C-alpha atoms as a PDB file:
ATOM      1  CA  UNK A   1       3.998  -2.203  24.723  1.00  0.00           C
ATOM      2  CA  UNK A   2       0.381  -3.289  24.363  1.00  0.00           C
ATOM      3  CA  UNK A   3       0.422  -5.849  21.592  1.00  0.00           C
ATOM      4  CA  UNK A   4      -1.316  -8.905  20.227  1.00  0.00           C
ATOM      5  CA  UNK A   5       0.836 -11.586  18.573  1.00  0.00           C
ATOM      6  CA  UNK A   6       0.732 -11.777  14.786  1.00  0.00           C
ATOM      7  CA  UNK A   7       0.294 -15.117  13.068  1.00  0.00           C
ATOM      8  CA  UNK A   8       3.528 -16.426  11.583  1.00  0.00           C
ATOM      9  CA  UNK A   9       3.920 -15.838   7.860  1.00  0.00           C
ATOM     10  CA  UNK A  10       5.814 -19.152   7.493  1.00  0.00           C
ATOM     11  CA  UNK A  11       5.543 -22.097   9.858  1.00  0.00           C
ATOM     12  CA  UNK A  12       7.124 -25.553   9.639  1.00  0.00           C
ATOM     13  CA  UNK A  13       5.330 -27.896  11.999  1.00  0.00           C
ATOM     14  CA  UNK A  14       5.103 -31.687  12.113  1.00  0.00           C
ATOM     15  CA  UNK A  15       7.035 -31.858   8.825  1.00  0.00           C
ATOM     16  CA  UNK A  16       4.462 -29.704   7.052  1.00  0.00           C
ATOM     17  CA  UNK A  17       4.683 -26.191   5.603  1.00  0.00           C
ATOM     18  CA  UNK A  18       2.001 -23.738   6.685  1.00  0.00           C
ATOM     19  CA  UNK A  19       1.664 -20.263   5.177  1.00  0.00           C
ATOM     20  CA  UNK A  20      -0.424 -17.271   6.167  1.00  0.00           C
ATOM     21  CA  UNK A  21      -2.496 -16.140   3.178  1.00  0.00           C
ATOM     22  CA  UNK A  22      -1.554 -12.476   3.106  1.00  0.00           C
ATOM     23  CA  UNK A  23      -3.908 -11.723   0.213  1.00  0.00           C
ATOM     24  CA  UNK A  24      -6.783 -12.010   2.701  1.00  0.00           C
ATOM     25  CA  UNK A  25      -5.363  -9.721   5.378  1.00  0.00           C
ATOM     26  CA  UNK A  26      -6.348  -7.755   7.365  1.00  0.00           C
ATOM     27  CA  UNK A  27      -9.900  -9.086   7.363  1.00  0.00           C
ATOM     28  CA  UNK A  28      -9.213 -12.824   7.441  1.00  0.00           C
ATOM     29  CA  UNK A  29      -6.265 -14.586   9.073  1.00  0.00           C
ATOM     30  CA  UNK A  30      -6.166 -17.865   7.167  1.00  0.00           C
ATOM     31  CA  UNK A  31      -3.377 -20.422   7.465  1.00  0.00           C
ATOM     32  CA  UNK A  32      -3.110 -23.023   4.720  1.00  0.00           C
ATOM     33  CA  UNK A  33      -0.917 -26.080   4.284  1.00  0.00           C
ATOM     34  CA  UNK A  34       1.291 -26.607   1.238  1.00  0.00           C
ATOM     35  CA  UNK A  35       1.470 -30.329   0.523  1.00  0.00           C
ATOM     36  CA  UNK A  36       3.174 -30.185  -2.885  1.00  0.00           C
ATOM     37  CA  UNK A  37       5.834 -27.966  -4.432  1.00  0.00           C
ATOM     38  CA  UNK A  38       3.265 -26.631  -6.922  1.00  0.00           C
ATOM     39  CA  UNK A  39       1.259 -25.093  -4.091  1.00  0.00           C
ATOM     40  CA  UNK A  40       4.399 -23.355  -2.793  1.00  0.00           C
ATOM     41  CA  UNK A  41       5.144 -21.993  -6.274  1.00  0.00           C
ATOM     42  CA  UNK A  42       1.571 -20.721  -6.598  1.00  0.00           C
ATOM     43  CA  UNK A  43       1.652 -19.118  -3.142  1.00  0.00           C
ATOM     44  CA  UNK A  44       4.821 -17.194  -4.054  1.00  0.00           C
ATOM     45  CA  UNK A  45       3.493 -16.098  -7.455  1.00  0.00           C
ATOM     46  CA  UNK A  46       0.129 -15.027  -6.046  1.00  0.00           C
ATOM     47  CA  UNK A  47       1.746 -13.131  -3.124  1.00  0.00           C
ATOM     48  CA  UNK A  48       0.056 -15.343  -0.558  1.00  0.00           C
ATOM     49  CA  UNK A  49       3.538 -15.356   0.953  1.00  0.00           C
ATOM     50  CA  UNK A  50       5.553 -12.218   0.208  1.00  0.00           C
ATOM     51  CA  UNK A  51       8.502 -10.243   1.471  1.00  0.00           C
ATOM     52  CA  UNK A  52      11.943 -11.252   0.243  1.00  0.00           C
ATOM     53  CA  UNK A  53      13.124 -13.140   3.383  1.00  0.00           C
ATOM     54  CA  UNK A  54       9.773 -14.922   3.876  1.00  0.00           C
ATOM     55  CA  UNK A  55       9.762 -15.999   0.229  1.00  0.00           C
ATOM     56  CA  UNK A  56      13.250 -17.443   0.686  1.00  0.00           C
ATOM     57  CA  UNK A  57      12.268 -19.338   3.816  1.00  0.00           C
ATOM     58  CA  UNK A  58       9.085 -20.691   2.227  1.00  0.00           C
ATOM     59  CA  UNK A  59      10.996 -21.780  -0.884  1.00  0.00           C
ATOM     60  CA  UNK A  60      13.653 -23.563   1.198  1.00  0.00           C
ATOM     61  CA  UNK A  61      10.914 -25.607   2.862  1.00  0.00           C
ATOM     62  CA  UNK A  62       9.172 -25.912  -0.508  1.00  0.00           C
ATOM     63  CA  UNK A  63      12.073 -27.982  -1.800  1.00  0.00           C
ATOM     64  CA  UNK A  64      11.105 -30.808   0.541  1.00  0.00           C
ATOM     65  CA  UNK A  65       7.294 -30.693   0.640  1.00  0.00           C
ATOM     66  CA  UNK A  66       5.767 -33.728  -1.012  1.00  0.00           C
ATOM     67  CA  UNK A  67       8.996 -35.732  -0.772  1.00  0.00           C
ATOM     68  CA  UNK A  68       9.412 -38.889   1.282  1.00  0.00           C
ATOM     69  CA  UNK A  69      12.782 -40.181   2.450  1.00  0.00           C
ATOM     70  CA  UNK A  70      15.274 -39.409  -0.343  1.00  0.00           C
ATOM     71  CA  UNK A  71      15.685 -37.275  -3.470  1.00  0.00           C
ATOM     72  CA  UNK A  72      18.310 -37.403  -6.212  1.00  0.00           C
ATOM     73  CA  UNK A  73      20.523 -34.379  -6.855  1.00  0.00           C
ATOM     74  CA  UNK A  74      19.162 -34.022 -10.391  1.00  0.00           C
ATOM     75  CA  UNK A  75      15.553 -34.044  -9.135  1.00  0.00           C
ATOM     76  CA  UNK A  76      16.468 -31.493  -6.501  1.00  0.00           C
ATOM     77  CA  UNK A  77      18.007 -29.278  -9.200  1.00  0.00           C
ATOM     78  CA  UNK A  78      14.714 -29.337 -11.095  1.00  0.00           C
ATOM     79  CA  UNK A  79      12.852 -28.296  -7.961  1.00  0.00           C
ATOM     80  CA  UNK A  80      15.303 -25.456  -7.347  1.00  0.00           C
ATOM     81  CA  UNK A  81      14.910 -24.098 -10.875  1.00  0.00           C
ATOM     82  CA  UNK A  82      11.138 -24.374 -10.678  1.00  0.00           C
ATOM     83  CA  UNK A  83      10.890 -22.327  -7.500  1.00  0.00           C
ATOM     84  CA  UNK A  84      13.448 -19.720  -8.612  1.00  0.00           C
ATOM     85  CA  UNK A  85      11.193 -18.959 -11.573  1.00  0.00           C
ATOM     86  CA  UNK A  86       8.307 -17.958  -9.313  1.00  0.00           C
ATOM     87  CA  UNK A  87       9.571 -14.398  -8.757  1.00  0.00           C
ATOM     88  CA  UNK A  88      12.798 -13.115 -10.328  1.00  0.00           C
ATOM     89  CA  UNK A  89      13.596  -9.851  -8.511  1.00  0.00           C
ATOM     90  CA  UNK A  90      13.914 -10.889  -4.864  1.00  0.00           C
ATOM     91  CA  UNK A  91      17.367 -12.413  -4.456  1.00  0.00           C
ATOM     92  CA  UNK A  92      16.511 -14.196  -1.185  1.00  0.00           C
ATOM     93  CA  UNK A  93      14.447 -16.799  -3.034  1.00  0.00           C
ATOM     94  CA  UNK A  94      17.327 -17.945  -5.243  1.00  0.00           C
ATOM     95  CA  UNK A  95      19.814 -17.512  -2.397  1.00  0.00           C
ATOM     96  CA  UNK A  96      17.877 -19.821  -0.074  1.00  0.00           C
ATOM     97  CA  UNK A  97      17.157 -22.676  -2.479  1.00  0.00           C
ATOM     98  CA  UNK A  98      20.661 -22.557  -3.965  1.00  0.00           C
ATOM     99  CA  UNK A  99      22.101 -22.740  -0.465  1.00  0.00           C
ATOM    100  CA  UNK A 100      20.074 -25.882   0.239  1.00  0.00           C
ATOM    101  CA  UNK A 101      21.176 -27.316  -3.105  1.00  0.00           C
ATOM    102  CA  UNK A 102      24.879 -26.603  -2.444  1.00  0.00           C
ATOM    103  CA  UNK A 103      24.599 -28.276   0.941  1.00  0.00           C
ATOM    104  CA  UNK A 104      22.970 -31.304  -0.691  1.00  0.00           C
ATOM    105  CA  UNK A 105      25.621 -31.424  -3.433  1.00  0.00           C
ATOM    106  CA  UNK A 106      28.428 -31.349  -0.859  1.00  0.00           C
ATOM    107  CA  UNK A 107      26.782 -34.225   1.012  1.00  0.00           C
ATOM    108  CA  UNK A 108      26.316 -36.197  -2.217  1.00  0.00           C
ATOM    109  CA  UNK A 109      30.025 -35.907  -3.046  1.00  0.00           C
ATOM    110  CA  UNK A 110      30.929 -37.679   0.182  1.00  0.00           C
ATOM    111  CA  UNK A 111      28.083 -40.204   0.221  1.00  0.00           C
ATOM    112  CA  UNK A 112      25.755 -40.954  -2.697  1.00  0.00           C
ATOM    113  CA  UNK A 113      23.239 -39.317  -4.983  1.00  0.00           C
ATOM    114  CA  UNK A 114      20.233 -40.237  -2.848  1.00  0.00           C
ATOM    115  CA  UNK A 115      20.036 -37.307  -0.442  1.00  0.00           C
ATOM    116  CA  UNK A 116      18.017 -37.697   2.768  1.00  0.00           C
ATOM    117  CA  UNK A 117      15.060 -35.325   2.819  1.00  0.00           C
ATOM    118  CA  UNK A 118      15.640 -34.791   6.543  1.00  0.00           C
ATOM    119  CA  UNK A 119      19.042 -33.310   5.699  1.00  0.00           C
ATOM    120  CA  UNK A 120      17.461 -30.730   3.404  1.00  0.00           C
ATOM    121  CA  UNK A 121      14.825 -29.976   5.993  1.00  0.00           C
ATOM    122  CA  UNK A 122      17.488 -29.271   8.611  1.00  0.00           C
ATOM    123  CA  UNK A 123      19.136 -26.737   6.301  1.00  0.00           C
ATOM    124  CA  UNK A 124      15.800 -25.011   5.679  1.00  0.00           C
ATOM    125  CA  UNK A 125      15.229 -24.830   9.432  1.00  0.00           C
ATOM    126  CA  UNK A 126      18.674 -23.290   9.839  1.00  0.00           C
ATOM    127  CA  UNK A 127      17.872 -20.615   7.230  1.00  0.00           C
ATOM    128  CA  UNK A 128      14.636 -19.913   9.102  1.00  0.00           C
ATOM    129  CA  UNK A 129      16.313 -19.542  12.497  1.00  0.00           C
ATOM    130  CA  UNK A 130      19.116 -17.406  11.068  1.00  0.00           C
ATOM    131  CA  UNK A 131      16.546 -15.024   9.605  1.00  0.00           C
ATOM    132  CA  UNK A 132      14.889 -14.603  12.994  1.00  0.00           C
ATOM    133  CA  UNK A 133      18.238 -13.736  14.572  1.00  0.00           C
ATOM    134  CA  UNK A 134      18.987 -11.377  11.684  1.00  0.00           C
ATOM    135  CA  UNK A 135      15.720  -9.505  12.229  1.00  0.00           C
ATOM    136  CA  UNK A 136      16.483  -9.024  15.906  1.00  0.00           C
ATOM    137  CA  UNK A 137      19.935  -7.661  15.123  1.00  0.00           C
ATOM    138  CA  UNK A 138      18.623  -5.311  12.425  1.00  0.00           C
ATOM    139  CA  UNK A 139      16.260  -3.958  15.049  1.00  0.00           C
ATOM    140  CA  UNK A 140      19.106  -3.385  17.496  1.00  0.00           C
ATOM    141  CA  UNK A 141      21.334  -1.678  14.920  1.00  0.00           C
ATOM    142  CA  UNK A 142      18.498   0.561  13.771  1.00  0.00           C
ATOM    143  CA  UNK A 143      17.333   1.403  17.281  1.00  0.00           C
ATOM    144  CA  UNK A 144      19.553   4.524  17.720  1.00  0.00           C
ATOM    145  CA  UNK A 145      17.782   6.142  14.753  1.00  0.00           C
ATOM    146  CA  UNK A 146      14.362   6.037  16.436  1.00  0.00           C
ATOM    147  CA  UNK A 147      14.543   8.972  18.804  1.00  0.00           C
ATOM    148  CA  UNK A 148      11.770  10.142  21.113  1.00  0.00           C
ATOM    149  CA  UNK A 149       8.826  11.848  19.401  1.00  0.00           C
ATOM    150  CA  UNK A 150      10.295  11.309  15.924  1.00  0.00           C
ATOM    151  CA  UNK A 151       8.145  10.786  12.845  1.00  0.00           C
ATOM    152  CA  UNK A 152       9.008   8.155  10.270  1.00  0.00           C
ATOM    153  CA  UNK A 153       7.659   6.992   6.942  1.00  0.00           C
ATOM    154  CA  UNK A 154       7.763   3.525   5.426  1.00  0.00           C
ATOM    155  CA  UNK A 155       6.608   1.981   2.155  1.00  0.00           C
ATOM    156  CA  UNK A 156       5.043  -1.395   1.375  1.00  0.00           C
ATOM    157  CA  UNK A 157       5.485  -4.042   4.084  1.00  0.00           C
ATOM    158  CA  UNK A 158       8.865  -5.035   5.440  1.00  0.00           C
ATOM    159  CA  UNK A 159       7.620  -6.101   8.825  1.00  0.00           C
ATOM    160  CA  UNK A 160       6.963  -9.320  10.692  1.00  0.00           C
ATOM    161  CA  UNK A 161       4.669 -10.524   7.917  1.00  0.00           C
ATOM    162  CA  UNK A 162       7.522 -10.330   5.399  1.00  0.00           C
ATOM    163  CA  UNK A 163      10.063 -12.357   7.373  1.00  0.00           C
ATOM    164  CA  UNK A 164      10.300 -14.781  10.282  1.00  0.00           C
ATOM    165  CA  UNK A 165       9.780 -12.165  13.010  1.00  0.00           C
ATOM    166  CA  UNK A 166       9.997  -8.378  13.595  1.00  0.00           C
ATOM    167  CA  UNK A 167      10.785  -7.578   9.977  1.00  0.00           C
ATOM    168  CA  UNK A 168      13.564  -5.578   8.356  1.00  0.00           C
ATOM    169  CA  UNK A 169      12.384  -1.968   7.902  1.00  0.00           C
ATOM    170  CA  UNK A 170       9.972  -2.333  10.810  1.00  0.00           C
ATOM    171  CA  UNK A 171      12.416  -4.110  13.126  1.00  0.00           C
ATOM    172  CA  UNK A 172      13.881  -0.843  14.510  1.00  0.00           C
ATOM    173  CA  UNK A 173      10.317   0.350  15.227  1.00  0.00           C
ATOM    174  CA  UNK A 174       9.425  -2.796  17.143  1.00  0.00           C
ATOM    175  CA  UNK A 175      12.700  -2.674  19.060  1.00  0.00           C
ATOM    176  CA  UNK A 176      12.219   1.006  19.915  1.00  0.00           C
ATOM    177  CA  UNK A 177       8.644   0.400  21.064  1.00  0.00           C
ATOM    178  CA  UNK A 178       9.829  -2.441  23.286  1.00  0.00           C
ATOM    179  CA  UNK A 179      12.388  -0.010  24.731  1.00  0.00           C
ATOM    180  CA  UNK A 180       9.682   2.483  25.649  1.00  0.00           C
ATOM    181  CA  UNK A 181      10.460   5.058  22.939  1.00  0.00           C
ATOM    182  CA  UNK A 182       7.477   7.114  21.784  1.00  0.00           C
ATOM    183  CA  UNK A 183       7.381   7.769  18.017  1.00  0.00           C
ATOM    184  CA  UNK A 184       5.029   7.762  15.045  1.00  0.00           C
ATOM    185  CA  UNK A 185       5.062   6.126  11.606  1.00  0.00           C
ATOM    186  CA  UNK A 186       3.430   7.296   8.372  1.00  0.00           C
ATOM    187  CA  UNK A 187       2.482   4.307   6.240  1.00  0.00           C
ATOM    188  CA  UNK A 188       2.246   4.600   2.458  1.00  0.00           C
ATOM    189  CA  UNK A 189      -0.792   2.676   1.189  1.00  0.00           C
ATOM    190  CA  UNK A 190       1.446   1.167  -1.540  1.00  0.00           C
ATOM    191  CA  UNK A 191      -0.540   0.782  -4.734  1.00  0.00           C
ATOM    192  CA  UNK A 192      -1.491  -1.312  -6.561  1.00  0.00           C
ATOM    193  CA  UNK A 193      -1.848  -4.118  -3.991  1.00  0.00           C
ATOM    194  CA  UNK A 194      -2.019  -1.947  -0.860  1.00  0.00           C
ATOM    195  CA  UNK A 195       0.559  -3.824   1.205  1.00  0.00           C
ATOM    196  CA  UNK A 196       0.996  -0.734   3.360  1.00  0.00           C
ATOM    197  CA  UNK A 197      -2.700  -0.315   4.014  1.00  0.00           C
ATOM    198  CA  UNK A 198      -3.521  -4.009   4.386  1.00  0.00           C
ATOM    199  CA  UNK A 199      -0.370  -5.262   6.092  1.00  0.00           C
ATOM    200  CA  UNK A 200       1.921  -2.607   7.597  1.00  0.00           C
ATOM    201  CA  UNK A 201      -0.852  -0.529   9.175  1.00  0.00           C
ATOM    202  CA  UNK A 202      -2.420  -3.777  10.380  1.00  0.00           C
ATOM    203  CA  UNK A 203       0.676  -5.126  12.073  1.00  0.00           C
ATOM    204  CA  UNK A 204       1.835  -1.810  13.557  1.00  0.00           C
ATOM    205  CA  UNK A 205      -1.629  -1.273  14.971  1.00  0.00           C
ATOM    206  CA  UNK A 206      -1.683  -4.832  16.321  1.00  0.00           C
ATOM    207  CA  UNK A 207       1.608  -4.030  18.080  1.00  0.00           C
ATOM    208  CA  UNK A 208       0.275  -0.800  19.582  1.00  0.00           C
ATOM    209  CA  UNK A 209       2.592   1.434  17.517  1.00  0.00           C
ATOM    210  CA  UNK A 210       1.091   4.792  16.581  1.00  0.00           C
ATOM    211  CA  UNK A 211       0.768   5.038  12.797  1.00  0.00           C
ATOM    212  CA  UNK A 212      -1.075   7.043  10.167  1.00  0.00           C
ATOM    213  CA  UNK A 213      -2.007   5.682   6.749  1.00  0.00           C
ATOM    214  CA  UNK A 214      -1.490   8.041   3.794  1.00  0.00           C
ATOM    215  CA  UNK A 215      -1.999   7.776   0.055  1.00  0.00           C
ATOM    216  CA  UNK A 216       1.238   7.190  -1.831  1.00  0.00           C
ATOM    217  CA  UNK A 217       0.879  10.545  -3.587  1.00  0.00           C
ATOM    218  CA  UNK A 218       0.549  12.366  -0.246  1.00  0.00           C
ATOM    219  CA  UNK A 219       4.129  11.610   0.812  1.00  0.00           C
ATOM    220  CA  UNK A 220       5.595  14.750  -0.775  1.00  0.00           C
ATOM    221  CA  UNK A 221       3.021  16.959   0.928  1.00  0.00           C
ATOM    222  CA  UNK A 222       3.623  15.361   4.329  1.00  0.00           C
ATOM    223  CA  UNK A 223       7.366  15.858   3.906  1.00  0.00           C
ATOM    224  CA  UNK A 224       6.878  19.480   2.841  1.00  0.00           C
ATOM    225  CA  UNK A 225       5.099  20.130   6.140  1.00  0.00           C
ATOM    226  CA  UNK A 226       8.190  18.967   8.040  1.00  0.00           C
ATOM    227  CA  UNK A 227       6.366  15.960   9.451  1.00  0.00           C
ATOM    228  CA  UNK A 228       8.897  13.286   8.409  1.00  0.00           C
ATOM    229  CA  UNK A 229      12.253  12.896  10.191  1.00  0.00           C
ATOM    230  CA  UNK A 230      13.360   9.822   8.255  1.00  0.00           C
ATOM    231  CA  UNK A 231      12.326   7.022   5.913  1.00  0.00           C
ATOM    232  CA  UNK A 232      13.103   3.327   6.344  1.00  0.00           C
ATOM    233  CA  UNK A 233      12.240   0.780   3.656  1.00  0.00           C
ATOM    234  CA  UNK A 234      13.116  -2.836   3.006  1.00  0.00           C
ATOM    235  CA  UNK A 235      14.766  -4.315  -0.080  1.00  0.00           C
ATOM    236  CA  UNK A 236      14.330  -7.239  -2.435  1.00  0.00           C
ATOM    237  CA  UNK A 237      17.817  -7.032  -3.908  1.00  0.00           C
ATOM    238  CA  UNK A 238      20.811  -4.807  -3.194  1.00  0.00           C
ATOM    239  CA  UNK A 239      23.493  -4.576  -5.865  1.00  0.00           C
ATOM    240  CA  UNK A 240      27.208  -4.500  -5.093  1.00  0.00           C
ATOM    241  CA  UNK A 241      27.318  -0.714  -5.539  1.00  0.00           C
ATOM    242  CA  UNK A 242      24.435  -0.139  -3.117  1.00  0.00           C
ATOM    243  CA  UNK A 243      21.644   0.322  -5.663  1.00  0.00           C
ATOM    244  CA  UNK A 244      18.419  -0.977  -4.097  1.00  0.00           C
ATOM    245  CA  UNK A 245      15.501  -2.782  -5.742  1.00  0.00           C
ATOM    246  CA  UNK A 246      12.347  -2.470  -3.678  1.00  0.00           C
ATOM    247  CA  UNK A 247       8.593  -2.138  -4.104  1.00  0.00           C
ATOM    248  CA  UNK A 248       7.541   0.244  -6.862  1.00  0.00           C
ATOM    249  CA  UNK A 249       7.326   3.780  -5.458  1.00  0.00           C
ATOM    250  CA  UNK A 250      10.476   3.503  -3.349  1.00  0.00           C
ATOM    251  CA  UNK A 251      12.534   5.481  -5.868  1.00  0.00           C
ATOM    252  CA  UNK A 252      10.096   8.385  -5.676  1.00  0.00           C
ATOM    253  CA  UNK A 253      10.415   8.485  -1.895  1.00  0.00           C
ATOM    254  CA  UNK A 254      14.206   8.490  -2.112  1.00  0.00           C
ATOM    255  CA  UNK A 255      14.150  11.390  -4.559  1.00  0.00           C
ATOM    256  CA  UNK A 256      11.801  13.303  -2.251  1.00  0.00           C
ATOM    257  CA  UNK A 257      14.101  12.638   0.692  1.00  0.00           C
ATOM    258  CA  UNK A 258      16.996  14.096  -1.281  1.00  0.00           C
ATOM    259  CA  UNK A 259      14.968  17.227  -2.076  1.00  0.00           C
ATOM    260  CA  UNK A 260      13.776  17.772   1.500  1.00  0.00           C
ATOM    261  CA  UNK A 261      17.077  16.679   3.110  1.00  0.00           C
ATOM    262  CA  UNK A 262      15.482  13.743   4.916  1.00  0.00           C
ATOM    263  CA  UNK A 263      17.637  10.651   5.622  1.00  0.00           C
ATOM    264  CA  UNK A 264      16.622   7.610   3.579  1.00  0.00           C
ATOM    265  CA  UNK A 265      17.557   4.224   5.062  1.00  0.00           C
ATOM    266  CA  UNK A 266      17.275   0.669   3.771  1.00  0.00           C
ATOM    267  CA  UNK A 267      17.019  -2.315   6.129  1.00  0.00           C
ATOM    268  CA  UNK A 268      17.767  -5.817   4.875  1.00  0.00           C
ATOM    269  CA  UNK A 269      19.722  -8.941   5.832  1.00  0.00           C
ATOM    270  CA  UNK A 270      23.040  -9.601   4.097  1.00  0.00           C
ATOM    271  CA  UNK A 271      21.296 -12.394   2.155  1.00  0.00           C
ATOM    272  CA  UNK A 272      19.566  -9.615   0.189  1.00  0.00           C
ATOM    273  CA  UNK A 273      22.921  -8.202  -0.950  1.00  0.00           C
ATOM    274  CA  UNK A 274      23.918  -9.611  -4.324  1.00  0.00           C
ATOM    275  CA  UNK A 275      27.606  -8.971  -4.930  1.00  0.00           C
ATOM    276  CA  UNK A 276      27.314 -10.716  -8.306  1.00  0.00           C
ATOM    277  CA  UNK A 277      25.061  -7.898  -9.504  1.00  0.00           C
ATOM    278  CA  UNK A 278      27.283  -4.894 -10.186  1.00  0.00           C
ATOM    279  CA  UNK A 279      24.573  -2.235 -10.185  1.00  0.00           C
ATOM    280  CA  UNK A 280      20.843  -1.709 -10.346  1.00  0.00           C
ATOM    281  CA  UNK A 281      20.729  -1.720 -14.132  1.00  0.00           C
ATOM    282  CA  UNK A 282      21.420  -5.459 -14.032  1.00  0.00           C
ATOM    283  CA  UNK A 283      18.440  -6.255 -11.788  1.00  0.00           C
ATOM    284  CA  UNK A 284      15.555  -7.932 -13.579  1.00  0.00           C
ATOM    285  CA  UNK A 285      12.349  -6.115 -12.674  1.00  0.00           C
ATOM    286  CA  UNK A 286       9.264  -8.295 -12.396  1.00  0.00           C
ATOM    287  CA  UNK A 287       6.194  -7.100 -14.281  1.00  0.00           C
ATOM    288  CA  UNK A 288       2.834  -8.206 -12.987  1.00  0.00           C
ATOM    289  CA  UNK A 289      -0.705  -8.538 -14.302  1.00  0.00           C
ATOM    290  CA  UNK A 290      -2.604  -5.528 -15.629  1.00  0.00           C
ATOM    291  CA  UNK A 291      -5.524  -6.724 -13.496  1.00  0.00           C
ATOM    292  CA  UNK A 292      -3.751  -5.444 -10.376  1.00  0.00           C
ATOM    293  CA  UNK A 293      -3.915  -1.888 -11.753  1.00  0.00           C
ATOM    294  CA  UNK A 294      -7.241  -1.885 -13.572  1.00  0.00           C
ATOM    295  CA  UNK A 295      -9.079  -3.064 -10.466  1.00  0.00           C
ATOM    296  CA  UNK A 296      -9.285  -1.753  -6.923  1.00  0.00           C
ATOM    297  CA  UNK A 297     -10.189  -4.675  -4.739  1.00  0.00           C
ATOM    298  CA  UNK A 298     -13.115  -6.336  -6.465  1.00  0.00           C
ATOM    299  CA  UNK A 299     -14.097  -3.195  -8.381  1.00  0.00           C
ATOM    300  CA  UNK A 300     -13.137  -2.665 -12.028  1.00  0.00           C
ATOM    301  CA  UNK A 301     -11.908   0.941 -12.252  1.00  0.00           C
ATOM    302  CA  UNK A 302     -10.487   1.041 -15.798  1.00  0.00           C
ATOM    303  CA  UNK A 303     -11.676  -0.265 -19.133  1.00  0.00           C
ATOM    304  CA  UNK A 304     -10.827  -3.893 -19.744  1.00  0.00           C
ATOM    305  CA  UNK A 305      -8.822  -2.954 -22.852  1.00  0.00           C
ATOM    306  CA  UNK A 306      -6.703  -0.328 -21.020  1.00  0.00           C
ATOM    307  CA  UNK A 307      -2.983  -0.714 -21.700  1.00  0.00           C
ATOM    308  CA  UNK A 308      -1.074  -1.135 -18.434  1.00  0.00           C
ATOM    309  CA  UNK A 309       2.585  -1.085 -17.393  1.00  0.00           C
ATOM    310  CA  UNK A 310       2.825  -2.696 -13.955  1.00  0.00           C
ATOM    311  CA  UNK A 311       6.409  -3.112 -12.701  1.00  0.00           C
ATOM    312  CA  UNK A 312       6.475  -4.590  -9.208  1.00  0.00           C
ATOM    313  CA  UNK A 313       9.742  -2.905  -8.254  1.00  0.00           C
ATOM    314  CA  UNK A 314      11.949   0.074  -8.994  1.00  0.00           C
ATOM    315  CA  UNK A 315      15.645   0.696  -8.347  1.00  0.00           C
ATOM    316  CA  UNK A 316      16.926   3.449  -6.063  1.00  0.00           C
ATOM    317  CA  UNK A 317      20.492   4.562  -6.891  1.00  0.00           C
ATOM    318  CA  UNK A 318      22.929   4.281  -4.021  1.00  0.00           C
ATOM    319  CA  UNK A 319      23.725   8.009  -3.842  1.00  0.00           C
ATOM    320  CA  UNK A 320      20.207   8.573  -2.467  1.00  0.00           C
ATOM    321  CA  UNK A 321      20.720   6.049   0.354  1.00  0.00           C
ATOM    322  CA  UNK A 322      21.950   7.380   3.700  1.00  0.00           C
ATOM    323  CA  UNK A 323      22.650   3.938   5.125  1.00  0.00           C
ATOM    324  CA  UNK A 324      21.900   0.234   4.803  1.00  0.00           C
ATOM    325  CA  UNK A 325      21.030  -1.502   8.072  1.00  0.00           C
ATOM    326  CA  UNK A 326      21.931  -5.191   8.170  1.00  0.00           C
ATOM    327  CA  UNK A 327      22.261  -7.717  10.963  1.00  0.00           C
ATOM    328  CA  UNK A 328      25.942  -6.761  11.094  1.00  0.00           C
ATOM    329  CA  UNK A 329      25.372  -3.035  11.547  1.00  0.00           C
ATOM    330  CA  UNK A 330      24.873   0.158   9.593  1.00  0.00           C
ATOM    331  CA  UNK A 331      26.771   0.399   6.301  1.00  0.00           C
ATOM    332  CA  UNK A 332      27.277   3.737   4.557  1.00  0.00           C
ATOM    333  CA  UNK A 333      29.007   4.974   1.399  1.00  0.00           C
ATOM    334  CA  UNK A 334      31.236   4.050  -0.324  1.00  0.00           C
ATOM    335  CA  UNK A 335      28.950   1.030  -0.714  1.00  0.00           C
ATOM    336  CA  UNK A 336      31.115  -0.620  -3.393  1.00  0.00           C
ATOM    337  CA  UNK A 337      33.760  -1.090  -0.728  1.00  0.00           C
ATOM    338  CA  UNK A 338      31.764  -1.369   2.482  1.00  0.00           C
ATOM    339  CA  UNK A 339      29.125  -3.882   1.398  1.00  0.00           C
ATOM    340  CA  UNK A 340      31.843  -6.330   0.424  1.00  0.00           C
ATOM    341  CA  UNK A 341      33.316  -6.070   3.907  1.00  0.00           C
ATOM    342  CA  UNK A 342      30.154  -7.633   5.310  1.00  0.00           C
ATOM    343  CA  UNK A 343      31.062 -10.940   3.684  1.00  0.00           C
ATOM    344  CA  UNK A 344      33.841 -13.299   4.691  1.00  0.00           C
ATOM    345  CA  UNK A 345      35.261 -14.419   1.339  1.00  0.00           C
ATOM    346  CA  UNK A 346      36.824 -17.448   2.975  1.00  0.00           C
ATOM    347  CA  UNK A 347      33.510 -18.949   4.157  1.00  0.00           C
ATOM    348  CA  UNK A 348      31.205 -20.751   1.746  1.00  0.00           C
ATOM    349  CA  UNK A 349      28.536 -22.031   4.158  1.00  0.00           C
ATOM    350  CA  UNK A 350      27.381 -21.584   7.708  1.00  0.00           C
ATOM    351  CA  UNK A 351      28.424 -25.138   8.589  1.00  0.00           C
END
């Protein structure tokens, strides 16, 4: 496969956190250093780093930026709560920082309240490396779906830019391309922030994967022409019953897939599955600035006093989902039973 390496969305190097500013892609590839926790919080809020797994990884490292040798458990708790508030829908953010906190709390019980920063850093590195392995396995488990000359559709960006490497929804595509399979991907532009146009089309093209950008409201027409064999999207939170929160517009695609009898798949690591959330109705949906809708790039396209409703996510009910691809394999209905089987109830940490 003819490809050019993408810059890493999250990089920890020489005890410093570097992030790729995804708001400037595809025109400018700018890496910036976060030296304080406030800059990490701002980067997450402003979508400079985005994608549920990448947000989690960045937040795990964010707990230690600006610290020296030790931190108290109470101070660490404040940092955890601060970062969790940056974006409420994606479960990976809370999952990652709470995991670091639990590890620190367990250490404090056996030692003292002054927790070595290096210890926290090691746990963040472990989360980072586990995500990379998870992406590779999602790609392998999704590979059988990507048959020769098939046409796929994806929404938003759940690729290498959203994680540590390969991606979630895009991982099967990268794995298939590496295996020599010829296929094609339709990419929804993904309004209002155009993550499909700016990011997914960019990274698939960089990897040499044939893709075609379409307007979000062209998806139904493309499906009606018989040009879509399947849809794969990522997820920001998956409830215990299989309901999926993902970028706004995902629900519409799932409904269209049901109408046209097209399989609709979700790809996400098990860290995105929230067994404490019974169903999608319990998922808090982030609402973002009206400015994202009333402007298109730098151009003002609506009156400044226009009333706007701008939810960042919607929830797809589980009965519209053909399968959920995780690092442990493909899970299908009944999701209430089968998602729980992915977790070992007797293990509390990876250590």
